Amino acid sequence: MIGNKDILMQIQIAAVAAVRTNSAVPHMLFSGTPGCGKTTTAKLVSQITNYPLIEVMVDSLTNLKDVRKLFLQLPLDGYDHTGKKIGKIKPVILFIDEIHGLSTKVQEILGIAMEEWKLPVQSEISNFVPEFTLIGATTSEGKLTVPFLERFKMVFYFKPYTVEESIDIVKYHALNTFKMNITDDAAKEIALRGRGIPRILVSLLRRVRDFSIAMNKTTIEKELAIACFSIMKVNEDGLTEHDLDLLYNLFKINAPVGIDNLAMMTGIPKGNLMSLERYLIQKGLIMRAPRGREITREGLKYLAKQGKISEMELHQAMMERFE
């Protein structure tokens, strides 16, 4: 694992303690941008503890019956028929990606199981649930109910990786995943465009690898990487033509605009727009105002730097909007 050292240290401590005390690892919530390593970290918890991992799809849990069916899969090793521990247990790690997609009712049911190790079922049916660890990954923590959120004793926020960490990720996957050498300069070119997100870094690396092979090269080099990105229209900051089109439309509109109207104006689907704007906000190029999205000073300067507007247009926009 590269980066997030503080998070990994806390997880290691909790995992080792759980094994030694014959208990489940505390429930964890991983929050952050898609592709920033949340799923990989959940698998790491399983590796450290040697506890089994089950990946659960959000749409497979719609009611109490679905939740009960899931828990019936959990091993009962180390328990007697009443649910009392009588030996070594092996708590399953349940990983739910995009956990904010669960209904309020299912969140309530899971919340009871997470804290009381039982399900809210009729008395004649056994409601015992063996200890487990729920690891939820989310990009929208605010959509979780407060009681459900409070059940997660360890909450971690995954930030984009630094350029240095991104370079290490690119080098690792070049050698170990794609079995190809890469120069330091080429790794840096990919890292600069990867937005600090491992999923994007690996995707870009794959495209450059394919381009290099097509050019009969056995090593990924800087010049080839730049040529590949030129064809892909991915600039040195990792922005694509879609990103620049979004910025340009906000420049032309010259007023706050809601996501639905912006989708109609740009022709970019609403879901894609929400994904695009996240990075543009991080870069300080646009902002979410109370009445909608607006381009910032830095966004205007960036359009001029990229040759999308003239210096005269930049000066006029600055005077109209910020003076």
C-alpha atoms as a PDB file:
ATOM      1  CA  MET A   1       0.000   0.000   0.000  1.00  0.00           C
ATOM      2  CA  ILE A   2       1.292   3.413  -0.993  1.00  0.00           C
ATOM      3  CA  GLY A   3       0.286   6.565   0.903  1.00  0.00           C
ATOM      4  CA  ASN A   4      -2.352   7.055   3.639  1.00  0.00           C
ATOM      5  CA  LYS A   5       0.184   5.891   6.222  1.00  0.00           C
ATOM      6  CA  ASP A   6      -1.758   7.268   9.212  1.00  0.00           C
ATOM      7  CA  ILE A   7      -4.913   5.478   8.105  1.00  0.00           C
ATOM      8  CA  LEU A   8      -3.079   2.217   7.519  1.00  0.00           C
ATOM      9  CA  MET A   9      -1.361   2.374  10.915  1.00  0.00           C
ATOM     10  CA  GLN A  10      -4.691   2.847  12.721  1.00  0.00           C
ATOM     11  CA  ILE A  11      -6.225  -0.033  10.777  1.00  0.00           C
ATOM     12  CA  GLN A  12      -3.274  -2.313  11.529  1.00  0.00           C
ATOM     13  CA  ILE A  13      -3.497  -1.587  15.250  1.00  0.00           C
ATOM     14  CA  ALA A  14      -7.259  -2.219  15.332  1.00  0.00           C
ATOM     15  CA  ALA A  15      -6.920  -5.406  13.242  1.00  0.00           C
ATOM     16  CA  VAL A  16      -4.168  -6.922  15.367  1.00  0.00           C
ATOM     17  CA  ALA A  17      -6.055  -6.083  18.569  1.00  0.00           C
ATOM     18  CA  ALA A  18      -9.203  -7.738  17.196  1.00  0.00           C
ATOM     19  CA  VAL A  19      -7.391 -10.990  16.425  1.00  0.00           C
ATOM     20  CA  ARG A  20      -5.743 -11.090  19.847  1.00  0.00           C
ATOM     21  CA  THR A  21      -9.009 -10.399  21.688  1.00  0.00           C
ATOM     22  CA  ASN A  22     -11.012 -12.901  19.604  1.00  0.00           C
ATOM     23  CA  SER A  23     -13.399 -10.229  18.322  1.00  0.00           C
ATOM     24  CA  ALA A  24     -14.415  -8.432  15.160  1.00  0.00           C
ATOM     25  CA  VAL A  25     -12.517  -5.411  13.870  1.00  0.00           C
ATOM     26  CA  PRO A  26     -14.479  -2.200  14.604  1.00  0.00           C
ATOM     27  CA  HIS A  27     -16.873  -1.133  11.857  1.00  0.00           C
ATOM     28  CA  MET A  28     -15.225   1.300   9.434  1.00  0.00           C
ATOM     29  CA  LEU A  29     -16.409   3.940   6.997  1.00  0.00           C
ATOM     30  CA  PHE A  30     -14.153   4.963   4.109  1.00  0.00           C
ATOM     31  CA  SER A  31     -15.088   8.289   2.520  1.00  0.00           C
ATOM     32  CA  GLY A  32     -13.466   9.813  -0.539  1.00  0.00           C
ATOM     33  CA  THR A  33     -13.276  10.254  -4.289  1.00  0.00           C
ATOM     34  CA  PRO A  34     -14.031   7.183  -6.436  1.00  0.00           C
ATOM     35  CA  GLY A  35     -10.911   5.152  -7.195  1.00  0.00           C
ATOM     36  CA  CYS A  36      -8.809   6.454  -4.296  1.00  0.00           C
ATOM     37  CA  GLY A  37      -8.142   3.055  -2.707  1.00  0.00           C
ATOM     38  CA  LYS A  38     -11.141   2.369  -0.468  1.00  0.00           C
ATOM     39  CA  THR A  39     -11.812  -1.127  -1.840  1.00  0.00           C
ATOM     40  CA  THR A  40      -8.114  -2.023  -1.783  1.00  0.00           C
ATOM     41  CA  THR A  41      -7.885  -0.937   1.864  1.00  0.00           C
ATOM     42  CA  ALA A  42     -10.878  -3.100   2.793  1.00  0.00           C
ATOM     43  CA  LYS A  43      -9.106  -6.092   1.255  1.00  0.00           C
ATOM     44  CA  LEU A  44      -6.008  -5.197   3.268  1.00  0.00           C
ATOM     45  CA  VAL A  45      -8.016  -5.492   6.503  1.00  0.00           C
ATOM     46  CA  SER A  46      -8.949  -9.032   5.458  1.00  0.00           C
ATOM     47  CA  GLN A  47      -5.314  -9.879   4.704  1.00  0.00           C
ATOM     48  CA  ILE A  48      -4.033  -8.554   8.039  1.00  0.00           C
ATOM     49  CA  THR A  49      -6.614 -10.420  10.112  1.00  0.00           C
ATOM     50  CA  ASN A  50      -7.061 -13.471   7.883  1.00  0.00           C
ATOM     51  CA  TYR A  51     -10.795 -12.892   8.309  1.00  0.00           C
ATOM     52  CA  PRO A  52     -12.883 -13.640   5.184  1.00  0.00           C
ATOM     53  CA  LEU A  53     -14.159 -10.747   3.075  1.00  0.00           C
ATOM     54  CA  ILE A  54     -17.569 -10.646   1.387  1.00  0.00           C
ATOM     55  CA  GLU A  55     -18.312  -7.840  -1.064  1.00  0.00           C
ATOM     56  CA  VAL A  56     -22.004  -6.919  -0.914  1.00  0.00           C
ATOM     57  CA  MET A  57     -23.872  -5.006  -3.619  1.00  0.00           C
ATOM     58  CA  VAL A  58     -26.110  -2.176  -2.393  1.00  0.00           C
ATOM     59  CA  ASP A  59     -29.058  -3.272  -4.530  1.00  0.00           C
ATOM     60  CA  SER A  60     -28.960  -6.771  -2.998  1.00  0.00           C
ATOM     61  CA  LEU A  61     -30.117  -5.351   0.348  1.00  0.00           C
ATOM     62  CA  THR A  62     -33.613  -3.933   0.069  1.00  0.00           C
ATOM     63  CA  ASN A  63     -35.402  -5.296   3.151  1.00  0.00           C
ATOM     64  CA  LEU A  64     -35.071  -7.364   6.348  1.00  0.00           C
ATOM     65  CA  LYS A  65     -35.326 -10.620   4.407  1.00  0.00           C
ATOM     66  CA  ASP A  66     -32.303  -9.693   2.266  1.00  0.00           C
ATOM     67  CA  VAL A  67     -30.266  -8.707   5.322  1.00  0.00           C
ATOM     68  CA  ARG A  68     -31.157 -11.922   7.139  1.00  0.00           C
ATOM     69  CA  LYS A  69     -30.183 -13.963   4.067  1.00  0.00           C
ATOM     70  CA  LEU A  70     -26.806 -12.235   4.057  1.00  0.00           C
ATOM     71  CA  PHE A  71     -26.156 -12.962   7.733  1.00  0.00           C
ATOM     72  CA  LEU A  72     -27.099 -16.619   7.308  1.00  0.00           C
ATOM     73  CA  GLN A  73     -23.911 -16.917   5.220  1.00  0.00           C
ATOM     74  CA  LEU A  74     -21.719 -15.959   8.172  1.00  0.00           C
ATOM     75  CA  PRO A  75     -19.808 -18.811   9.855  1.00  0.00           C
ATOM     76  CA  LEU A  76     -20.818 -19.779  13.385  1.00  0.00           C
ATOM     77  CA  ASP A  77     -17.440 -21.221  14.362  1.00  0.00           C
ATOM     78  CA  GLY A  78     -16.661 -20.498  18.001  1.00  0.00           C
ATOM     79  CA  TYR A  79     -20.290 -19.986  19.126  1.00  0.00           C
ATOM     80  CA  ASP A  80     -22.819 -22.218  20.847  1.00  0.00           C
ATOM     81  CA  HIS A  81     -26.483 -22.292  19.833  1.00  0.00           C
ATOM     82  CA  THR A  82     -27.292 -19.305  22.052  1.00  0.00           C
ATOM     83  CA  GLY A  83     -24.638 -17.116  20.483  1.00  0.00           C
ATOM     84  CA  LYS A  84     -22.156 -17.359  23.347  1.00  0.00           C
ATOM     85  CA  LYS A  85     -18.487 -17.528  22.395  1.00  0.00           C
ATOM     86  CA  ILE A  86     -16.975 -20.913  23.229  1.00  0.00           C
ATOM     87  CA  GLY A  87     -13.872 -20.824  21.054  1.00  0.00           C
ATOM     88  CA  LYS A  88     -11.970 -19.016  18.348  1.00  0.00           C
ATOM     89  CA  ILE A  89     -14.290 -17.019  16.086  1.00  0.00           C
ATOM     90  CA  LYS A  90     -13.646 -15.826  12.529  1.00  0.00           C
ATOM     91  CA  PRO A  91     -15.659 -12.631  11.999  1.00  0.00           C
ATOM     92  CA  VAL A  92     -16.509 -11.935   8.372  1.00  0.00           C
ATOM     93  CA  ILE A  93     -15.713  -8.534   6.892  1.00  0.00           C
ATOM     94  CA  LEU A  94     -18.680  -7.239   4.898  1.00  0.00           C
ATOM     95  CA  PHE A  95     -17.680  -4.595   2.365  1.00  0.00           C
ATOM     96  CA  ILE A  96     -20.392  -2.407   0.839  1.00  0.00           C
ATOM     97  CA  ASP A  97     -19.309   0.081  -1.828  1.00  0.00           C
ATOM     98  CA  GLU A  98     -21.413   3.228  -2.314  1.00  0.00           C
ATOM     99  CA  ILE A  99     -23.090   2.388   0.987  1.00  0.00           C
ATOM    100  CA  HIS A 100     -25.031   5.668   0.906  1.00  0.00           C
ATOM    101  CA  GLY A 101     -27.303   3.937  -1.633  1.00  0.00           C
ATOM    102  CA  LEU A 102     -28.902   1.809   1.119  1.00  0.00           C
ATOM    103  CA  SER A 103     -32.460   2.712   2.069  1.00  0.00           C
ATOM    104  CA  THR A 104     -33.140   4.293   5.458  1.00  0.00           C
ATOM    105  CA  LYS A 105     -34.869   1.098   6.587  1.00  0.00           C
ATOM    106  CA  VAL A 106     -31.921  -1.138   5.683  1.00  0.00           C
ATOM    107  CA  GLN A 107     -29.547   1.295   7.392  1.00  0.00           C
ATOM    108  CA  GLU A 108     -31.679   0.960  10.525  1.00  0.00           C
ATOM    109  CA  ILE A 109     -31.621  -2.872  10.376  1.00  0.00           C
ATOM    110  CA  LEU A 110     -27.866  -3.005   9.808  1.00  0.00           C
ATOM    111  CA  GLY A 111     -27.301  -0.456  12.558  1.00  0.00           C
ATOM    112  CA  ILE A 112     -29.016  -2.724  15.107  1.00  0.00           C
ATOM    113  CA  ALA A 113     -26.981  -5.724  13.953  1.00  0.00           C
ATOM    114  CA  MET A 114     -23.737  -3.735  14.095  1.00  0.00           C
ATOM    115  CA  GLU A 115     -24.241  -2.777  17.720  1.00  0.00           C
ATOM    116  CA  GLU A 116     -26.371  -5.500  19.292  1.00  0.00           C
ATOM    117  CA  TRP A 117     -25.386  -8.558  17.177  1.00  0.00           C
ATOM    118  CA  LYS A 118     -29.002  -9.362  16.480  1.00  0.00           C
ATOM    119  CA  LEU A 119     -31.761  -8.708  13.948  1.00  0.00           C
ATOM    120  CA  PRO A 120     -35.191  -7.162  14.672  1.00  0.00           C
ATOM    121  CA  VAL A 121     -37.186 -10.345  13.950  1.00  0.00           C
ATOM    122  CA  GLN A 122     -40.023 -12.198  15.677  1.00  0.00           C
ATOM    123  CA  SER A 123     -39.116 -14.006  18.892  1.00  0.00           C
ATOM    124  CA  GLU A 124     -39.748 -17.502  17.535  1.00  0.00           C
ATOM    125  CA  ILE A 125     -37.035 -16.951  14.938  1.00  0.00           C
ATOM    126  CA  SER A 126     -33.407 -16.868  16.063  1.00  0.00           C
ATOM    127  CA  ASN A 127     -32.193 -13.284  15.796  1.00  0.00           C
ATOM    128  CA  PHE A 128     -28.582 -13.966  16.788  1.00  0.00           C
ATOM    129  CA  VAL A 129     -25.917 -12.553  14.439  1.00  0.00           C
ATOM    130  CA  PRO A 130     -22.260 -13.599  14.802  1.00  0.00           C
ATOM    131  CA  GLU A 131     -19.786 -10.748  15.176  1.00  0.00           C
ATOM    132  CA  PHE A 132     -18.832  -9.152  11.865  1.00  0.00           C
ATOM    133  CA  THR A 133     -17.151  -6.020  10.596  1.00  0.00           C
ATOM    134  CA  LEU A 134     -19.019  -3.732   8.246  1.00  0.00           C
ATOM    135  CA  ILE A 135     -16.757  -1.616   6.045  1.00  0.00           C
ATOM    136  CA  GLY A 136     -18.659   0.923   4.011  1.00  0.00           C
ATOM    137  CA  ALA A 137     -17.224   3.020   1.199  1.00  0.00           C
ATOM    138  CA  THR A 138     -18.944   6.236   0.199  1.00  0.00           C
ATOM    139  CA  THR A 139     -18.573   9.346  -1.893  1.00  0.00           C
ATOM    140  CA  SER A 140     -21.614  10.947  -0.222  1.00  0.00           C
ATOM    141  CA  GLU A 141     -21.317  10.544   3.536  1.00  0.00           C
ATOM    142  CA  GLY A 142     -24.101  13.101   4.069  1.00  0.00           C
ATOM    143  CA  LYS A 143     -26.672  10.664   2.650  1.00  0.00           C
ATOM    144  CA  LEU A 144     -26.196   8.278   5.582  1.00  0.00           C
ATOM    145  CA  THR A 145     -28.578   8.630   8.527  1.00  0.00           C
ATOM    146  CA  VAL A 146     -26.998   9.969  11.719  1.00  0.00           C
ATOM    147  CA  PRO A 147     -27.757   6.827  13.810  1.00  0.00           C
ATOM    148  CA  PHE A 148     -26.233   4.601  11.118  1.00  0.00           C
ATOM    149  CA  LEU A 149     -23.202   6.839  10.759  1.00  0.00           C
ATOM    150  CA  GLU A 150     -22.607   6.687  14.505  1.00  0.00           C
ATOM    151  CA  ARG A 151     -22.290   2.887  14.346  1.00  0.00           C
ATOM    152  CA  PHE A 152     -18.991   3.249  12.482  1.00  0.00           C
ATOM    153  CA  LYS A 153     -16.345   3.530  15.169  1.00  0.00           C
ATOM    154  CA  MET A 154     -13.558   4.272  12.699  1.00  0.00           C
ATOM    155  CA  VAL A 155     -14.165   6.837   9.949  1.00  0.00           C
ATOM    156  CA  PHE A 156     -11.416   7.610   7.452  1.00  0.00           C
ATOM    157  CA  TYR A 157     -11.247  10.232   4.712  1.00  0.00           C
ATOM    158  CA  PHE A 158      -9.204   9.272   1.666  1.00  0.00           C
ATOM    159  CA  LYS A 159      -7.576  12.228  -0.055  1.00  0.00           C
ATOM    160  CA  PRO A 160      -6.018  12.242  -3.540  1.00  0.00           C
ATOM    161  CA  TYR A 161      -2.423  11.034  -3.561  1.00  0.00           C
ATOM    162  CA  THR A 162       0.522  13.405  -3.909  1.00  0.00           C
ATOM    163  CA  VAL A 163       2.518  13.535  -7.144  1.00  0.00           C
ATOM    164  CA  GLU A 164       5.354  11.626  -5.457  1.00  0.00           C
ATOM    165  CA  GLU A 165       2.972   8.897  -4.258  1.00  0.00           C
ATOM    166  CA  SER A 166       1.341   8.811  -7.697  1.00  0.00           C
ATOM    167  CA  ILE A 167       4.733   8.246  -9.310  1.00  0.00           C
ATOM    168  CA  ASP A 168       5.319   5.286  -6.993  1.00  0.00           C
ATOM    169  CA  ILE A 169       1.893   3.868  -7.914  1.00  0.00           C
ATOM    170  CA  VAL A 170       2.623   4.212 -11.637  1.00  0.00           C
ATOM    171  CA  LYS A 171       6.024   2.544 -11.298  1.00  0.00           C
ATOM    172  CA  TYR A 172       4.588  -0.306  -9.253  1.00  0.00           C
ATOM    173  CA  HIS A 173       1.833  -1.110 -11.736  1.00  0.00           C
ATOM    174  CA  ALA A 174       4.117  -0.691 -14.754  1.00  0.00           C
ATOM    175  CA  LEU A 175       6.468  -3.378 -13.437  1.00  0.00           C
ATOM    176  CA  ASN A 176       4.062  -5.646 -11.572  1.00  0.00           C
ATOM    177  CA  THR A 177       0.770  -5.336 -13.449  1.00  0.00           C
ATOM    178  CA  PHE A 178       1.879  -4.604 -17.000  1.00  0.00           C
ATOM    179  CA  LYS A 179       5.363  -6.192 -16.831  1.00  0.00           C
ATOM    180  CA  MET A 180       7.019  -3.258 -18.583  1.00  0.00           C
ATOM    181  CA  ASN A 181       9.872  -0.910 -17.708  1.00  0.00           C
ATOM    182  CA  ILE A 182       9.172   2.794 -17.363  1.00  0.00           C
ATOM    183  CA  THR A 183      11.468   5.802 -17.043  1.00  0.00           C
ATOM    184  CA  ASP A 184      11.169   8.204 -14.107  1.00  0.00           C
ATOM    185  CA  ASP A 185      10.211  11.047 -16.458  1.00  0.00           C
ATOM    186  CA  ALA A 186       7.442   9.002 -18.074  1.00  0.00           C
ATOM    187  CA  ALA A 187       6.077   7.982 -14.677  1.00  0.00           C
ATOM    188  CA  LYS A 188       5.968  11.647 -13.686  1.00  0.00           C
ATOM    189  CA  GLU A 189       4.069  12.648 -16.843  1.00  0.00           C
ATOM    190  CA  ILE A 190       1.415  10.063 -16.027  1.00  0.00           C
ATOM    191  CA  ALA A 191       1.362  11.039 -12.338  1.00  0.00           C
ATOM    192  CA  LEU A 192       0.781  14.707 -13.172  1.00  0.00           C
ATOM    193  CA  ARG A 193      -2.331  13.788 -15.160  1.00  0.00           C
ATOM    194  CA  GLY A 194      -3.721  11.154 -12.789  1.00  0.00           C
ATOM    195  CA  ARG A 195      -5.477  13.564 -10.405  1.00  0.00           C
ATOM    196  CA  GLY A 196      -3.990  11.643  -7.475  1.00  0.00           C
ATOM    197  CA  ILE A 197      -6.480   8.796  -8.033  1.00  0.00           C
ATOM    198  CA  PRO A 198      -5.013   5.262  -8.414  1.00  0.00           C
ATOM    199  CA  ARG A 199      -7.825   4.112 -10.710  1.00  0.00           C
ATOM    200  CA  ILE A 200      -7.151   6.997 -13.114  1.00  0.00           C
ATOM    201  CA  LEU A 201      -3.385   6.528 -12.862  1.00  0.00           C
ATOM    202  CA  VAL A 202      -3.620   2.852 -13.817  1.00  0.00           C
ATOM    203  CA  SER A 203      -6.045   3.641 -16.645  1.00  0.00           C
ATOM    204  CA  LEU A 204      -3.696   6.266 -18.103  1.00  0.00           C
ATOM    205  CA  LEU A 205      -0.736   3.939 -17.658  1.00  0.00           C
ATOM    206  CA  ARG A 206      -2.552   1.228 -19.620  1.00  0.00           C
ATOM    207  CA  ARG A 207      -3.176   3.616 -22.531  1.00  0.00           C
ATOM    208  CA  VAL A 208       0.471   4.723 -22.599  1.00  0.00           C
ATOM    209  CA  ARG A 209       1.623   1.103 -22.335  1.00  0.00           C
ATOM    210  CA  ASP A 210      -0.524   0.141 -25.321  1.00  0.00           C
ATOM    211  CA  PHE A 211       0.799   3.120 -27.296  1.00  0.00           C
ATOM    212  CA  SER A 212       4.385   2.167 -26.458  1.00  0.00           C
ATOM    213  CA  ILE A 213       3.856  -1.435 -27.567  1.00  0.00           C
ATOM    214  CA  ALA A 214       2.278  -0.205 -30.805  1.00  0.00           C
ATOM    215  CA  MET A 215       5.441   1.856 -31.365  1.00  0.00           C
ATOM    216  CA  ASN A 216       7.583  -1.270 -30.851  1.00  0.00           C
ATOM    217  CA  LYS A 217       9.055   0.012 -27.581  1.00  0.00           C
ATOM    218  CA  THR A 218      10.006  -2.194 -24.653  1.00  0.00           C
ATOM    219  CA  THR A 219      10.205   0.738 -22.210  1.00  0.00           C
ATOM    220  CA  ILE A 220       7.625   3.436 -21.530  1.00  0.00           C
ATOM    221  CA  GLU A 221       9.381   6.749 -22.198  1.00  0.00           C
ATOM    222  CA  LYS A 222       8.480  10.402 -21.583  1.00  0.00           C
ATOM    223  CA  GLU A 223       8.187  11.377 -25.247  1.00  0.00           C
ATOM    224  CA  LEU A 224       5.814   8.506 -25.974  1.00  0.00           C
ATOM    225  CA  ALA A 225       3.706   9.332 -22.931  1.00  0.00           C
ATOM    226  CA  ILE A 226       3.357  12.973 -24.017  1.00  0.00           C
ATOM    227  CA  ALA A 227       2.499  11.914 -27.585  1.00  0.00           C
ATOM    228  CA  CYS A 228      -0.149   9.531 -26.273  1.00  0.00           C
ATOM    229  CA  PHE A 229      -1.719  12.198 -24.074  1.00  0.00           C
ATOM    230  CA  SER A 230      -1.739  14.616 -27.002  1.00  0.00           C
ATOM    231  CA  ILE A 231      -3.822  12.121 -28.986  1.00  0.00           C
ATOM    232  CA  MET A 232      -6.084  11.544 -25.961  1.00  0.00           C
ATOM    233  CA  LYS A 233      -6.392  15.319 -25.437  1.00  0.00           C
ATOM    234  CA  VAL A 234      -5.404  15.106 -21.782  1.00  0.00           C
ATOM    235  CA  ASN A 235      -3.386  18.152 -20.781  1.00  0.00           C
ATOM    236  CA  GLU A 236      -0.548  18.475 -18.276  1.00  0.00           C
ATOM    237  CA  ASP A 237      -3.006  18.962 -15.388  1.00  0.00           C
ATOM    238  CA  GLY A 238      -5.102  15.940 -16.266  1.00  0.00           C
ATOM    239  CA  LEU A 239      -7.953  17.996 -17.737  1.00  0.00           C
ATOM    240  CA  THR A 240      -9.755  16.685 -20.815  1.00  0.00           C
ATOM    241  CA  GLU A 241     -11.700  18.444 -23.541  1.00  0.00           C
ATOM    242  CA  HIS A 242     -14.887  17.773 -21.557  1.00  0.00           C
ATOM    243  CA  ASP A 243     -13.410  19.604 -18.558  1.00  0.00           C
ATOM    244  CA  LEU A 244     -12.390  22.580 -20.682  1.00  0.00           C
ATOM    245  CA  ASP A 245     -15.792  22.629 -22.421  1.00  0.00           C
ATOM    246  CA  LEU A 246     -17.461  22.780 -19.013  1.00  0.00           C
ATOM    247  CA  LEU A 247     -15.251  25.690 -17.977  1.00  0.00           C
ATOM    248  CA  TYR A 248     -15.862  27.500 -21.264  1.00  0.00           C
ATOM    249  CA  ASN A 249     -19.637  27.134 -20.965  1.00  0.00           C
ATOM    250  CA  LEU A 250     -19.541  28.608 -17.467  1.00  0.00           C
ATOM    251  CA  PHE A 251     -17.500  31.493 -18.891  1.00  0.00           C
ATOM    252  CA  LYS A 252     -20.049  32.110 -21.663  1.00  0.00           C
ATOM    253  CA  ILE A 253     -23.108  31.816 -19.412  1.00  0.00           C
ATOM    254  CA  ASN A 254     -21.693  34.474 -17.069  1.00  0.00           C
ATOM    255  CA  ALA A 255     -24.132  33.557 -14.278  1.00  0.00           C
ATOM    256  CA  PRO A 256     -24.613  30.822 -11.657  1.00  0.00           C
ATOM    257  CA  VAL A 257     -26.175  27.750 -13.241  1.00  0.00           C
ATOM    258  CA  GLY A 258     -27.740  24.603 -11.758  1.00  0.00           C
ATOM    259  CA  ILE A 259     -26.521  21.131 -12.633  1.00  0.00           C
ATOM    260  CA  ASP A 260     -29.639  20.256 -14.679  1.00  0.00           C
ATOM    261  CA  ASN A 261     -29.398  23.372 -16.847  1.00  0.00           C
ATOM    262  CA  LEU A 262     -25.656  22.871 -17.215  1.00  0.00           C
ATOM    263  CA  ALA A 263     -26.231  19.328 -18.442  1.00  0.00           C
ATOM    264  CA  MET A 264     -28.645  20.589 -21.098  1.00  0.00           C
ATOM    265  CA  MET A 265     -26.306  23.377 -22.186  1.00  0.00           C
ATOM    266  CA  THR A 266     -23.194  21.213 -22.472  1.00  0.00           C
ATOM    267  CA  GLY A 267     -24.788  17.964 -23.635  1.00  0.00           C
ATOM    268  CA  ILE A 268     -22.839  16.156 -20.895  1.00  0.00           C
ATOM    269  CA  PRO A 269     -24.967  13.746 -18.791  1.00  0.00           C
ATOM    270  CA  LYS A 270     -25.714  14.995 -15.277  1.00  0.00           C
ATOM    271  CA  GLY A 271     -23.888  12.075 -13.631  1.00  0.00           C
ATOM    272  CA  ASN A 272     -20.765  12.728 -15.701  1.00  0.00           C
ATOM    273  CA  LEU A 273     -20.933  16.435 -14.924  1.00  0.00           C
ATOM    274  CA  MET A 274     -20.978  15.807 -11.187  1.00  0.00           C
ATOM    275  CA  SER A 275     -17.894  13.650 -11.583  1.00  0.00           C
ATOM    276  CA  LEU A 276     -16.121  16.260 -13.729  1.00  0.00           C
ATOM    277  CA  GLU A 277     -16.861  19.168 -11.426  1.00  0.00           C
ATOM    278  CA  ARG A 278     -15.354  17.487  -8.364  1.00  0.00           C
ATOM    279  CA  TYR A 279     -11.814  17.837  -9.726  1.00  0.00           C
ATOM    280  CA  LEU A 280     -12.433  21.322 -11.112  1.00  0.00           C
ATOM    281  CA  ILE A 281     -13.586  22.442  -7.668  1.00  0.00           C
ATOM    282  CA  GLN A 282     -10.477  20.871  -6.089  1.00  0.00           C
ATOM    283  CA  LYS A 283      -8.342  22.810  -8.567  1.00  0.00           C
ATOM    284  CA  GLY A 284     -10.147  26.035  -7.656  1.00  0.00           C
ATOM    285  CA  LEU A 285     -11.409  26.553 -11.220  1.00  0.00           C
ATOM    286  CA  ILE A 286     -15.126  26.508 -10.420  1.00  0.00           C
ATOM    287  CA  MET A 287     -17.183  26.897  -7.269  1.00  0.00           C
ATOM    288  CA  ARG A 288     -20.621  25.863  -6.068  1.00  0.00           C
ATOM    289  CA  ALA A 289     -22.522  29.005  -5.197  1.00  0.00           C
ATOM    290  CA  PRO A 290     -25.975  29.009  -3.541  1.00  0.00           C
ATOM    291  CA  ARG A 291     -27.605  29.595  -6.942  1.00  0.00           C
ATOM    292  CA  GLY A 292     -25.441  27.172  -8.920  1.00  0.00           C
ATOM    293  CA  ARG A 293     -21.990  26.609 -10.421  1.00  0.00           C
ATOM    294  CA  GLU A 294     -19.736  29.555 -11.268  1.00  0.00           C
ATOM    295  CA  ILE A 295     -16.310  29.896 -12.825  1.00  0.00           C
ATOM    296  CA  THR A 296     -13.646  31.443 -10.556  1.00  0.00           C
ATOM    297  CA  ARG A 297     -10.864  33.928 -11.244  1.00  0.00           C
ATOM    298  CA  GLU A 298      -8.463  31.009 -11.517  1.00  0.00           C
ATOM    299  CA  GLY A 299     -10.840  29.302 -13.921  1.00  0.00           C
ATOM    300  CA  LEU A 300     -10.851  32.315 -16.228  1.00  0.00           C
ATOM    301  CA  LYS A 301      -7.062  32.544 -16.105  1.00  0.00           C
ATOM    302  CA  TYR A 302      -6.833  28.835 -16.856  1.00  0.00           C
ATOM    303  CA  LEU A 303      -9.029  29.172 -19.956  1.00  0.00           C
ATOM    304  CA  ALA A 304      -6.723  31.933 -21.199  1.00  0.00           C
ATOM    305  CA  LYS A 305      -3.637  29.841 -20.433  1.00  0.00           C
ATOM    306  CA  GLN A 306      -5.110  26.965 -22.458  1.00  0.00           C
ATOM    307  CA  GLY A 307      -5.916  29.278 -25.370  1.00  0.00           C
ATOM    308  CA  LYS A 308      -9.679  28.897 -25.001  1.00  0.00           C
ATOM    309  CA  ILE A 309     -10.267  32.635 -24.542  1.00  0.00           C
ATOM    310  CA  SER A 310      -8.199  35.658 -25.544  1.00  0.00           C
ATOM    311  CA  GLU A 311      -6.400  38.033 -23.206  1.00  0.00           C
ATOM    312  CA  MET A 312      -8.976  40.674 -24.098  1.00  0.00           C
ATOM    313  CA  GLU A 313     -11.841  38.315 -23.170  1.00  0.00           C
ATOM    314  CA  LEU A 314     -10.049  37.471 -19.929  1.00  0.00           C
ATOM    315  CA  HIS A 315      -9.591  41.143 -19.023  1.00  0.00           C
ATOM    316  CA  GLN A 316     -13.210  41.974 -19.830  1.00  0.00           C
ATOM    317  CA  ALA A 317     -14.538  39.000 -17.831  1.00  0.00           C
ATOM    318  CA  MET A 318     -12.399  39.942 -14.843  1.00  0.00           C
ATOM    319  CA  MET A 319     -13.703  43.526 -14.959  1.00  0.00           C
ATOM    320  CA  GLU A 320     -17.338  42.441 -15.264  1.00  0.00           C
ATOM    321  CA  ARG A 321     -17.325  39.755 -12.604  1.00  0.00           C
ATOM    322  CA  PHE A 322     -14.737  40.614  -9.981  1.00  0.00           C
ATOM    323  CA  GLU A 323     -14.013  44.346 -10.093  1.00  0.00           C
END
